[in-house]
Amino acid sequence: MADVRARIEAILRRRFLPARLEVKDDSARHAGHPGAAGGGGHFDILIVSAEFEGKPLLDRHRLVHEALEDLIGREIHALGLRTAAPSE
């Protein structure tokens, strides 16, 4: 899943120019989980971007999901998100 993590990072860096980005592959903790059987990984993301300034949490999460839409449901089974603006 290291290549998927790297792809997630590349997409988010290109789309959001984050001040901070952490992508953690948590797939190993979910081995045997029915969703993991399809090959999709579990990832936790912390992203701080000016793009989120003044936007409510739901809009921030929507933006991240849109950026990763080609991976969700295939390479990504579950996604934990923490989003923030630099002023927070």
PDB file of N, CA and C in Angstrom:
ATOM      1  N   MET A   1       0.813  -1.209   0.000  1.00  0.00           N
ATOM      2  CA  MET A   1       0.000   0.000   0.000  1.00  0.00           C
ATOM      3  C   MET A   1       0.857   1.275   0.000  1.00  0.00           C
ATOM      4  N   ALA A   2       2.174   1.105   0.047  1.00  0.00           N
ATOM      5  CA  ALA A   2       3.050   2.279   0.052  1.00  0.00           C
ATOM      6  C   ALA A   2       2.864   3.104  -1.212  1.00  0.00           C
ATOM      7  N   ASP A   3       2.638   2.432  -2.347  1.00  0.00           N
ATOM      8  CA  ASP A   3       2.440   3.176  -3.584  1.00  0.00           C
ATOM      9  C   ASP A   3       1.129   3.943  -3.574  1.00  0.00           C
ATOM     10  N   VAL A   4       0.092   3.397  -2.946  1.00  0.00           N
ATOM     11  CA  VAL A   4      -1.188   4.097  -2.832  1.00  0.00           C
ATOM     12  C   VAL A   4      -1.013   5.312  -1.931  1.00  0.00           C
ATOM     13  N   ARG A   5      -0.302   5.145  -0.819  1.00  0.00           N
ATOM     14  CA  ARG A   5      -0.044   6.269   0.073  1.00  0.00           C
ATOM     15  C   ARG A   5       0.687   7.376  -0.674  1.00  0.00           C
ATOM     16  N   ALA A   6       1.676   7.026  -1.467  1.00  0.00           N
ATOM     17  CA  ALA A   6       2.440   8.008  -2.241  1.00  0.00           C
ATOM     18  C   ALA A   6       1.546   8.707  -3.270  1.00  0.00           C
ATOM     19  N   ARG A   7       0.648   7.962  -3.881  1.00  0.00           N
ATOM     20  CA  ARG A   7      -0.290   8.571  -4.844  1.00  0.00           C
ATOM     21  C   ARG A   7      -1.232   9.538  -4.159  1.00  0.00           C
ATOM     22  N   ILE A   8      -1.730   9.148  -2.980  1.00  0.00           N
ATOM     23  CA  ILE A   8      -2.606  10.039  -2.215  1.00  0.00           C
ATOM     24  C   ILE A   8      -1.861  11.334  -1.897  1.00  0.00           C
ATOM     25  N   GLU A   9      -0.636  11.199  -1.387  1.00  0.00           N
ATOM     26  CA  GLU A   9       0.160  12.384  -1.062  1.00  0.00           C
ATOM     27  C   GLU A   9       0.364  13.274  -2.276  1.00  0.00           C
ATOM     28  N   ALA A  10       0.719  12.684  -3.399  1.00  0.00           N
ATOM     29  CA  ALA A  10       0.978  13.470  -4.614  1.00  0.00           C
ATOM     30  C   ALA A  10      -0.270  14.225  -5.058  1.00  0.00           C
ATOM     31  N   ILE A  11      -1.410  13.554  -5.048  1.00  0.00           N
ATOM     32  CA  ILE A  11      -2.669  14.190  -5.448  1.00  0.00           C
ATOM     33  C   ILE A  11      -2.997  15.356  -4.524  1.00  0.00           C
ATOM     34  N   LEU A  12      -2.895  15.122  -3.206  1.00  0.00           N
ATOM     35  CA  LEU A  12      -3.258  16.167  -2.247  1.00  0.00           C
ATOM     36  C   LEU A  12      -2.273  17.332  -2.271  1.00  0.00           C
ATOM     37  N   ARG A  13      -0.999  17.055  -2.454  1.00  0.00           N
ATOM     38  CA  ARG A  13      -0.007  18.138  -2.553  1.00  0.00           C
ATOM     39  C   ARG A  13      -0.269  19.002  -3.790  1.00  0.00           C
ATOM     40  N   ARG A  14      -0.557  18.363  -4.892  1.00  0.00           N
ATOM     41  CA  ARG A  14      -0.816  19.085  -6.137  1.00  0.00           C
ATOM     42  C   ARG A  14      -2.105  19.909  -6.035  1.00  0.00           C
ATOM     43  N   ARG A  15      -3.134  19.335  -5.450  1.00  0.00           N
ATOM     44  CA  ARG A  15      -4.458  19.986  -5.404  1.00  0.00           C
ATOM     45  C   ARG A  15      -4.545  21.082  -4.341  1.00  0.00           C
ATOM     46  N   PHE A  16      -3.940  20.849  -3.154  1.00  0.00           N
ATOM     47  CA  PHE A  16      -4.161  21.761  -2.037  1.00  0.00           C
ATOM     48  C   PHE A  16      -2.944  22.576  -1.609  1.00  0.00           C
ATOM     49  N   LEU A  17      -1.750  22.269  -2.118  1.00  0.00           N
ATOM     50  CA  LEU A  17      -0.521  22.952  -1.690  1.00  0.00           C
ATOM     51  C   LEU A  17      -0.492  23.084  -0.167  1.00  0.00           C
ATOM     52  N   PRO A  18      -0.583  21.975   0.541  1.00  0.00           N
ATOM     53  CA  PRO A  18      -0.757  22.018   1.999  1.00  0.00           C
ATOM     54  C   PRO A  18       0.461  22.551   2.753  1.00  0.00           C
ATOM     55  N   ALA A  19       0.178  23.249   3.838  1.00  0.00           N
ATOM     56  CA  ALA A  19       1.223  23.683   4.768  1.00  0.00           C
ATOM     57  C   ALA A  19       1.700  22.481   5.572  1.00  0.00           C
ATOM     58  N   ARG A  20       0.811  21.514   5.747  1.00  0.00           N
ATOM     59  CA  ARG A  20       1.139  20.279   6.454  1.00  0.00           C
ATOM     60  C   ARG A  20       0.301  19.147   5.879  1.00  0.00           C
ATOM     61  N   LEU A  21       0.936  18.004   5.689  1.00  0.00           N
ATOM     62  CA  LEU A  21       0.224  16.843   5.176  1.00  0.00           C
ATOM     63  C   LEU A  21       0.825  15.589   5.782  1.00  0.00           C
ATOM     64  N   GLU A  22      -0.032  14.779   6.372  1.00  0.00           N
ATOM     65  CA  GLU A  22       0.372  13.472   6.894  1.00  0.00           C
ATOM     66  C   GLU A  22      -0.626  12.448   6.370  1.00  0.00           C
ATOM     67  N   VAL A  23      -0.099  11.405   5.751  1.00  0.00           N
ATOM     68  CA  VAL A  23      -0.933  10.316   5.254  1.00  0.00           C
ATOM     69  C   VAL A  23      -0.426   9.043   5.911  1.00  0.00           C
ATOM     70  N   LYS A  24      -1.278   8.432   6.698  1.00  0.00           N
ATOM     71  CA  LYS A  24      -0.907   7.217   7.420  1.00  0.00           C
ATOM     72  C   LYS A  24      -1.689   6.035   6.847  1.00  0.00           C
ATOM     73  N   ASP A  25      -0.955   5.009   6.451  1.00  0.00           N
ATOM     74  CA  ASP A  25      -1.579   3.781   5.971  1.00  0.00           C
ATOM     75  C   ASP A  25      -1.873   2.903   7.181  1.00  0.00           C
ATOM     76  N   ASP A  26      -3.143   2.752   7.488  1.00  0.00           N
ATOM     77  CA  ASP A  26      -3.579   2.001   8.660  1.00  0.00           C
ATOM     78  C   ASP A  26      -4.172   0.645   8.262  1.00  0.00           C
ATOM     79  N   SER A  27      -3.859   0.198   7.054  1.00  0.00           N
ATOM     80  CA  SER A  27      -4.460  -1.023   6.512  1.00  0.00           C
ATOM     81  C   SER A  27      -4.137  -2.262   7.336  1.00  0.00           C
ATOM     82  N   ALA A  28      -2.920  -2.357   7.853  1.00  0.00           N
ATOM     83  CA  ALA A  28      -2.511  -3.554   8.594  1.00  0.00           C
ATOM     84  C   ALA A  28      -3.404  -3.805   9.808  1.00  0.00           C
ATOM     85  N   ARG A  29      -3.892  -2.744  10.420  1.00  0.00           N
ATOM     86  CA  ARG A  29      -4.776  -2.900  11.586  1.00  0.00           C
ATOM     87  C   ARG A  29      -6.142  -3.442  11.210  1.00  0.00           C
ATOM     88  N   HIS A  30      -6.457  -3.416   9.932  1.00  0.00           N
ATOM     89  CA  HIS A  30      -7.785  -3.838   9.486  1.00  0.00           C
ATOM     90  C   HIS A  30      -7.745  -5.122   8.666  1.00  0.00           C
ATOM     91  N   ALA A  31      -6.649  -5.841   8.740  1.00  0.00           N
ATOM     92  CA  ALA A  31      -6.537  -7.114   8.007  1.00  0.00           C
ATOM     93  C   ALA A  31      -7.671  -8.035   8.436  1.00  0.00           C
ATOM     94  N   GLY A  32      -8.281  -8.677   7.483  1.00  0.00           N
ATOM     95  CA  GLY A  32      -9.392  -9.566   7.782  1.00  0.00           C
ATOM     96  C   GLY A  32     -10.744  -8.878   7.767  1.00  0.00           C
ATOM     97  N   HIS A  33     -10.745  -7.565   7.751  1.00  0.00           N
ATOM     98  CA  HIS A  33     -11.969  -6.778   7.660  1.00  0.00           C
ATOM     99  C   HIS A  33     -12.601  -7.041   6.287  1.00  0.00           C
ATOM    100  N   PRO A  34     -13.910  -7.225   6.221  1.00  0.00           N
ATOM    101  CA  PRO A  34     -14.534  -7.553   4.935  1.00  0.00           C
ATOM    102  C   PRO A  34     -14.196  -6.555   3.818  1.00  0.00           C
ATOM    103  N   GLY A  35     -14.135  -5.282   4.131  1.00  0.00           N
ATOM    104  CA  GLY A  35     -13.809  -4.280   3.114  1.00  0.00           C
ATOM    105  C   GLY A  35     -12.377  -4.386   2.634  1.00  0.00           C
ATOM    106  N   ALA A  36     -11.494  -4.824   3.508  1.00  0.00           N
ATOM    107  CA  ALA A  36     -10.084  -4.972   3.142  1.00  0.00           C
ATOM    108  C   ALA A  36      -9.880  -6.144   2.198  1.00  0.00           C
ATOM    109  N   ALA A  37     -10.814  -7.083   2.184  1.00  0.00           N
ATOM    110  CA  ALA A  37     -10.689  -8.250   1.314  1.00  0.00           C
ATOM    111  C   ALA A  37     -10.683  -7.857  -0.154  1.00  0.00           C
ATOM    112  N   GLY A  38     -11.313  -6.736  -0.473  1.00  0.00           N
ATOM    113  CA  GLY A  38     -11.346  -6.251  -1.855  1.00  0.00           C
ATOM    114  C   GLY A  38     -10.075  -5.545  -2.261  1.00  0.00           C
ATOM    115  N   GLY A  39      -9.124  -5.425  -1.345  1.00  0.00           N
ATOM    116  CA  GLY A  39      -7.852  -4.812  -1.671  1.00  0.00           C
ATOM    117  C   GLY A  39      -7.740  -3.345  -1.322  1.00  0.00           C
ATOM    118  N   GLY A  40      -8.817  -2.723  -0.927  1.00  0.00           N
ATOM    119  CA  GLY A  40      -8.770  -1.309  -0.578  1.00  0.00           C
ATOM    120  C   GLY A  40      -8.129  -1.095   0.774  1.00  0.00           C
ATOM    121  N   GLY A  41      -7.355  -0.031   0.889  1.00  0.00           N
ATOM    122  CA  GLY A  41      -6.660   0.262   2.134  1.00  0.00           C
ATOM    123  C   GLY A  41      -7.409   1.242   3.016  1.00  0.00           C
ATOM    124  N   HIS A  42      -6.957   1.304   4.254  1.00  0.00           N
ATOM    125  CA  HIS A  42      -7.487   2.238   5.244  1.00  0.00           C
ATOM    126  C   HIS A  42      -6.424   3.307   5.474  1.00  0.00           C
ATOM    127  N   PHE A  43      -6.802   4.563   5.316  1.00  0.00           N
ATOM    128  CA  PHE A  43      -5.845   5.659   5.442  1.00  0.00           C
ATOM    129  C   PHE A  43      -6.394   6.753   6.346  1.00  0.00           C
ATOM    130  N   ASP A  44      -5.491   7.342   7.128  1.00  0.00           N
ATOM    131  CA  ASP A  44      -5.800   8.500   7.954  1.00  0.00           C
ATOM    132  C   ASP A  44      -5.005   9.667   7.399  1.00  0.00           C
ATOM    133  N   ILE A  45      -5.680  10.800   7.202  1.00  0.00           N
ATOM    134  CA  ILE A  45      -5.047  11.959   6.597  1.00  0.00           C
ATOM    135  C   ILE A  45      -5.236  13.176   7.491  1.00  0.00           C
ATOM    136  N   LEU A  46      -4.144  13.892   7.694  1.00  0.00           N
ATOM    137  CA  LEU A  46      -4.174  15.222   8.305  1.00  0.00           C
ATOM    138  C   LEU A  46      -3.690  16.175   7.233  1.00  0.00           C
ATOM    139  N   ILE A  47      -4.497  17.166   6.909  1.00  0.00           N
ATOM    140  CA  ILE A  47      -4.108  18.133   5.886  1.00  0.00           C
ATOM    141  C   ILE A  47      -4.469  19.543   6.348  1.00  0.00           C
ATOM    142  N   VAL A  48      -3.493  20.439   6.254  1.00  0.00           N
ATOM    143  CA  VAL A  48      -3.673  21.847   6.601  1.00  0.00           C
ATOM    144  C   VAL A  48      -3.430  22.638   5.320  1.00  0.00           C
ATOM    145  N   SER A  49      -4.441  23.372   4.885  1.00  0.00           N
ATOM    146  CA  SER A  49      -4.338  24.101   3.625  1.00  0.00           C
ATOM    147  C   SER A  49      -5.123  25.410   3.684  1.00  0.00           C
ATOM    148  N   ALA A  50      -4.597  26.415   3.022  1.00  0.00           N
ATOM    149  CA  ALA A  50      -5.296  27.700   2.918  1.00  0.00           C
ATOM    150  C   ALA A  50      -6.619  27.532   2.173  1.00  0.00           C
ATOM    151  N   GLU A  51      -6.707  26.504   1.366  1.00  0.00           N
ATOM    152  CA  GLU A  51      -7.931  26.200   0.626  1.00  0.00           C
ATOM    153  C   GLU A  51      -9.132  26.000   1.565  1.00  0.00           C
ATOM    154  N   PHE A  52      -8.871  25.619   2.805  1.00  0.00           N
ATOM    155  CA  PHE A  52      -9.940  25.331   3.759  1.00  0.00           C
ATOM    156  C   PHE A  52     -10.364  26.555   4.572  1.00  0.00           C
ATOM    157  N   GLU A  53      -9.664  27.657   4.411  1.00  0.00           N
ATOM    158  CA  GLU A  53      -9.963  28.873   5.182  1.00  0.00           C
ATOM    159  C   GLU A  53     -11.415  29.297   4.951  1.00  0.00           C
ATOM    160  N   GLY A  54     -12.157  29.442   6.041  1.00  0.00           N
ATOM    161  CA  GLY A  54     -13.538  29.905   5.971  1.00  0.00           C
ATOM    162  C   GLY A  54     -14.555  28.870   5.508  1.00  0.00           C
ATOM    163  N   LYS A  55     -14.110  27.657   5.262  1.00  0.00           N
ATOM    164  CA  LYS A  55     -15.026  26.610   4.797  1.00  0.00           C
ATOM    165  C   LYS A  55     -15.427  25.706   5.959  1.00  0.00           C
ATOM    166  N   PRO A  56     -16.696  25.308   5.997  1.00  0.00           N
ATOM    167  CA  PRO A  56     -17.127  24.369   7.037  1.00  0.00           C
ATOM    168  C   PRO A  56     -16.518  22.977   6.806  1.00  0.00           C
ATOM    169  N   LEU A  57     -16.501  22.184   7.855  1.00  0.00           N
ATOM    170  CA  LEU A  57     -15.902  20.859   7.829  1.00  0.00           C
ATOM    171  C   LEU A  57     -16.433  19.994   6.680  1.00  0.00           C
ATOM    172  N   LEU A  58     -17.720  19.987   6.471  1.00  0.00           N
ATOM    173  CA  LEU A  58     -18.309  19.161   5.422  1.00  0.00           C
ATOM    174  C   LEU A  58     -17.763  19.545   4.045  1.00  0.00           C
ATOM    175  N   ASP A  59     -17.628  20.833   3.778  1.00  0.00           N
ATOM    176  CA  ASP A  59     -17.084  21.293   2.492  1.00  0.00           C
ATOM    177  C   ASP A  59     -15.623  20.893   2.337  1.00  0.00           C
ATOM    178  N   ARG A  60     -14.862  20.966   3.412  1.00  0.00           N
ATOM    179  CA  ARG A  60     -13.456  20.561   3.377  1.00  0.00           C
ATOM    180  C   ARG A  60     -13.326  19.084   3.022  1.00  0.00           C
ATOM    181  N   HIS A  61     -14.123  18.275   3.687  1.00  0.00           N
ATOM    182  CA  HIS A  61     -14.079  16.832   3.442  1.00  0.00           C
ATOM    183  C   HIS A  61     -14.533  16.511   2.016  1.00  0.00           C
ATOM    184  N   ARG A  62     -15.530  17.240   1.556  1.00  0.00           N
ATOM    185  CA  ARG A  62     -16.013  17.051   0.187  1.00  0.00           C
ATOM    186  C   ARG A  62     -14.898  17.333  -0.823  1.00  0.00           C
ATOM    187  N   LEU A  63     -14.141  18.396  -0.589  1.00  0.00           N
ATOM    188  CA  LEU A  63     -13.034  18.746  -1.483  1.00  0.00           C
ATOM    189  C   LEU A  63     -11.976  17.643  -1.536  1.00  0.00           C
ATOM    190  N   VAL A  64     -11.649  17.088  -0.378  1.00  0.00           N
ATOM    191  CA  VAL A  64     -10.653  16.014  -0.332  1.00  0.00           C
ATOM    192  C   VAL A  64     -11.183  14.775  -1.038  1.00  0.00           C
ATOM    193  N   HIS A  65     -12.438  14.425  -0.783  1.00  0.00           N
ATOM    194  CA  HIS A  65     -13.040  13.261  -1.442  1.00  0.00           C
ATOM    195  C   HIS A  65     -13.070  13.445  -2.957  1.00  0.00           C
ATOM    196  N   GLU A  66     -13.384  14.649  -3.409  1.00  0.00           N
ATOM    197  CA  GLU A  66     -13.385  14.922  -4.852  1.00  0.00           C
ATOM    198  C   GLU A  66     -11.988  14.750  -5.438  1.00  0.00           C
ATOM    199  N   ALA A  67     -10.972  15.210  -4.715  1.00  0.00           N
ATOM    200  CA  ALA A  67      -9.595  15.093  -5.203  1.00  0.00           C
ATOM    201  C   ALA A  67      -9.165  13.632  -5.314  1.00  0.00           C
ATOM    202  N   LEU A  68      -9.688  12.795  -4.439  1.00  0.00           N
ATOM    203  CA  LEU A  68      -9.284  11.382  -4.392  1.00  0.00           C
ATOM    204  C   LEU A  68     -10.310  10.443  -5.011  1.00  0.00           C
ATOM    205  N   GLU A  69     -11.290  10.979  -5.713  1.00  0.00           N
ATOM    206  CA  GLU A  69     -12.413  10.168  -6.193  1.00  0.00           C
ATOM    207  C   GLU A  69     -11.995   8.974  -7.058  1.00  0.00           C
ATOM    208  N   ASP A  70     -10.904   9.079  -7.787  1.00  0.00           N
ATOM    209  CA  ASP A  70     -10.476   7.954  -8.630  1.00  0.00           C
ATOM    210  C   ASP A  70      -9.926   6.778  -7.817  1.00  0.00           C
ATOM    211  N   LEU A  71      -9.528   7.045  -6.567  1.00  0.00           N
ATOM    212  CA  LEU A  71      -8.963   6.000  -5.714  1.00  0.00           C
ATOM    213  C   LEU A  71      -9.981   5.409  -4.744  1.00  0.00           C
ATOM    214  N   ILE A  72     -10.981   6.204  -4.378  1.00  0.00           N
ATOM    215  CA  ILE A  72     -11.973   5.766  -3.391  1.00  0.00           C
ATOM    216  C   ILE A  72     -12.836   4.664  -3.990  1.00  0.00           C
ATOM    217  N   GLY A  73     -12.959   3.579  -3.223  1.00  0.00           N
ATOM    218  CA  GLY A  73     -13.737   2.432  -3.669  1.00  0.00           C
ATOM    219  C   GLY A  73     -12.884   1.393  -4.379  1.00  0.00           C
ATOM    220  N   ARG A  74     -11.655   1.765  -4.710  1.00  0.00           N
ATOM    221  CA  ARG A  74     -10.730   0.824  -5.337  1.00  0.00           C
ATOM    222  C   ARG A  74      -9.527   0.661  -4.425  1.00  0.00           C
ATOM    223  N   GLU A  75      -8.596   1.599  -4.514  1.00  0.00           N
ATOM    224  CA  GLU A  75      -7.398   1.548  -3.667  1.00  0.00           C
ATOM    225  C   GLU A  75      -7.661   2.013  -2.237  1.00  0.00           C
ATOM    226  N   ILE A  76      -8.687   2.838  -2.067  1.00  0.00           N
ATOM    227  CA  ILE A  76      -9.048   3.340  -0.734  1.00  0.00           C
ATOM    228  C   ILE A  76     -10.396   2.753  -0.343  1.00  0.00           C
ATOM    229  N   HIS A  77     -10.406   2.012   0.767  1.00  0.00           N
ATOM    230  CA  HIS A  77     -11.665   1.477   1.298  1.00  0.00           C
ATOM    231  C   HIS A  77     -12.219   2.406   2.380  1.00  0.00           C
ATOM    232  N   ALA A  78     -11.335   2.915   3.231  1.00  0.00           N
ATOM    233  CA  ALA A  78     -11.757   3.788   4.335  1.00  0.00           C
ATOM    234  C   ALA A  78     -10.789   4.949   4.443  1.00  0.00           C
ATOM    235  N   LEU A  79     -11.347   6.118   4.777  1.00  0.00           N
ATOM    236  CA  LEU A  79     -10.553   7.335   4.824  1.00  0.00           C
ATOM    237  C   LEU A  79     -10.940   8.137   6.059  1.00  0.00           C
ATOM    238  N   GLY A  80      -9.974   8.346   6.946  1.00  0.00           N
ATOM    239  CA  GLY A  80     -10.175   9.203   8.104  1.00  0.00           C
ATOM    240  C   GLY A  80      -9.557  10.560   7.796  1.00  0.00           C
ATOM    241  N   LEU A  81     -10.316  11.630   7.977  1.00  0.00           N
ATOM    242  CA  LEU A  81      -9.837  12.957   7.605  1.00  0.00           C
ATOM    243  C   LEU A  81      -9.816  13.920   8.782  1.00  0.00           C
ATOM    244  N   ARG A  82      -8.728  14.652   8.901  1.00  0.00           N
ATOM    245  CA  ARG A  82      -8.647  15.820   9.767  1.00  0.00           C
ATOM    246  C   ARG A  82      -8.175  16.942   8.871  1.00  0.00           C
ATOM    247  N   THR A  83      -9.009  17.970   8.720  1.00  0.00           N
ATOM    248  CA  THR A  83      -8.709  19.086   7.844  1.00  0.00           C
ATOM    249  C   THR A  83      -8.681  20.371   8.652  1.00  0.00           C
ATOM    250  N   ALA A  84      -7.770  21.276   8.282  1.00  0.00           N
ATOM    251  CA  ALA A  84      -7.671  22.546   8.992  1.00  0.00           C
ATOM    252  C   ALA A  84      -7.109  23.607   8.062  1.00  0.00           C
ATOM    253  N   ALA A  85      -7.411  24.853   8.392  1.00  0.00           N
ATOM    254  CA  ALA A  85      -6.812  25.996   7.710  1.00  0.00           C
ATOM    255  C   ALA A  85      -5.582  26.414   8.524  1.00  0.00           C
ATOM    256  N   PRO A  86      -4.618  27.063   7.909  1.00  0.00           N
ATOM    257  CA  PRO A  86      -3.404  27.471   8.635  1.00  0.00           C
ATOM    258  C   PRO A  86      -3.689  28.357   9.858  1.00  0.00           C
ATOM    259  N   SER A  87      -4.785  29.094   9.841  1.00  0.00           N
ATOM    260  CA  SER A  87      -5.098  29.975  10.969  1.00  0.00           C
ATOM    261  C   SER A  87      -5.657  29.234  12.184  1.00  0.00           C
ATOM    262  N   GLU A  88      -5.925  27.953  12.039  1.00  0.00           N
ATOM    263  CA  GLU A  88      -6.521  27.186  13.138  1.00  0.00           C
ATOM    264  C   GLU A  88      -5.463  26.496  13.974  1.00  0.00           C
TER     265      GLU A  88
END
